[in-house]
Each structure stands twice: as C-alpha cells, then as structure tokens.
C-alpha cells in the first residue's frame, strides 16, 4: 500500500504522543437470549390508541357506505 506524504507539522504531531493511560475496561457482552415472548405485527395492532383510531376510521367508512346505499 502506498504511503501518503505528510507535512512537517504532521510529523511533529506523530512524535508527541499522549501520556499513557489505563485501557478502558471491557464492555460486558450479553450472551443470553432475550426471554421476552416474540412480538410480531399483531402486537402492534392490538395497542389501544391504534385500535381506537382504526375503529373511528372504520365507522366513518361504514357511515359513508350506508349514506351512499340508503340516501343517495
């Protein structure tokens, strides 16, 4: 691999190393599987605010359909 040319101020920065500090402790890694039950799209559909919204939209569609069938 080709070396990239460095400017003199970059060479000076390479020589001035930061003081040696203790390495950071290792981050624990979770190896066990989550014990929660798997949640699919039906879980999202069963939430109360969404069910209220879908109920309102459904009732508006039903009222529009009944209006078209019975009154027009």
Protein backbone atom coordinates (compact mmCIF):
# COMPACT_ATOMS: atom_id res chain seq x y z
CA UNK A 1 0.00 0.00 0.00
CA UNK A 2 1.29 3.46 -0.82
CA UNK A 3 2.30 5.80 1.98
CA UNK A 4 0.70 9.22 1.94
CA UNK A 5 3.07 12.18 2.16
CA UNK A 6 2.97 14.06 5.46
CA UNK A 7 3.59 17.71 6.14
CA UNK A 8 6.25 18.72 8.70
CA UNK A 9 3.66 19.75 11.31
CA UNK A 10 2.01 16.33 10.95
CA UNK A 11 5.38 14.66 11.55
CA UNK A 12 5.82 16.69 14.75
CA UNK A 13 2.35 15.68 15.94
CA UNK A 14 3.23 11.99 15.44
CA UNK A 15 6.23 12.26 17.74
CA UNK A 16 4.33 13.95 20.57
CA UNK A 17 2.38 11.01 21.92
CA UNK A 18 -0.34 11.39 24.51
CA UNK A 19 0.56 10.22 28.02
CA UNK A 20 -0.07 6.53 28.58
CA UNK A 21 -3.36 5.92 30.34
CA UNK A 22 -5.06 2.80 31.60
CA UNK A 23 -7.04 0.96 28.92
CA UNK A 24 -10.79 1.18 29.22
CA UNK A 25 -12.42 -1.80 30.94
CA UNK A 26 -14.03 -4.26 28.56
CA UNK A 27 -17.72 -3.81 27.88
CA UNK A 28 -19.77 -6.80 29.01
CA UNK A 29 -21.47 -8.58 26.14
CA UNK A 30 -24.89 -10.13 26.55
CA UNK A 31 -24.74 -13.73 25.50
CA UNK A 32 -28.10 -14.99 26.73
CA UNK A 33 -31.13 -14.72 24.51
CA UNK A 34 -33.92 -12.35 25.47
CA UNK A 35 -36.62 -14.21 27.37
CA UNK A 36 -39.47 -11.97 26.24
CA UNK A 37 -42.04 -13.52 24.00
CA UNK A 38 -41.56 -12.70 20.32
CA UNK A 39 -43.69 -9.78 19.23
CA UNK A 40 -44.97 -9.53 15.71
CA UNK A 41 -47.21 -7.16 13.82
CA UNK A 42 -50.33 -8.35 15.69
CA UNK A 43 -48.83 -6.99 18.91
CA UNK A 44 -48.60 -3.53 17.35
CA UNK A 45 -52.16 -3.78 16.05
CA UNK A 46 -53.52 -4.63 19.49
CA UNK A 47 -52.45 -1.36 21.13
CA UNK A 48 -55.43 0.69 22.40
CA UNK A 49 -54.69 4.03 20.64
CA UNK A 50 -54.29 2.27 17.32
CA UNK A 51 -57.46 0.26 17.86
CA UNK A 52 -59.41 3.45 18.66
CA UNK A 53 -58.04 5.13 15.54
CA UNK A 54 -58.91 2.14 13.36
CA UNK A 55 -62.39 1.98 14.93
CA UNK A 56 -63.06 5.64 14.15
CA UNK A 57 -61.85 5.26 10.55
CA UNK A 58 -63.91 2.09 10.14
CA UNK A 59 -67.05 3.74 11.49
CA UNK A 60 -66.58 6.72 9.16
CA UNK A 61 -66.24 4.35 6.20
CA UNK A 62 -69.34 2.44 7.34
CA UNK A 63 -71.37 5.66 7.69
CA UNK A 64 -70.25 6.81 4.23
CA UNK A 65 -71.19 3.45 2.70
CA UNK A 66 -74.61 3.43 4.39
CA UNK A 67 -75.19 7.02 3.27
CA UNK A 68 -74.40 6.06 -0.33
CA UNK A 69 -76.60 2.96 -0.22
CA UNK A 70 -79.62 4.29 1.60
CA UNK A 71 -79.85 8.03 0.99
CA UNK A 72 -78.49 8.55 -2.50
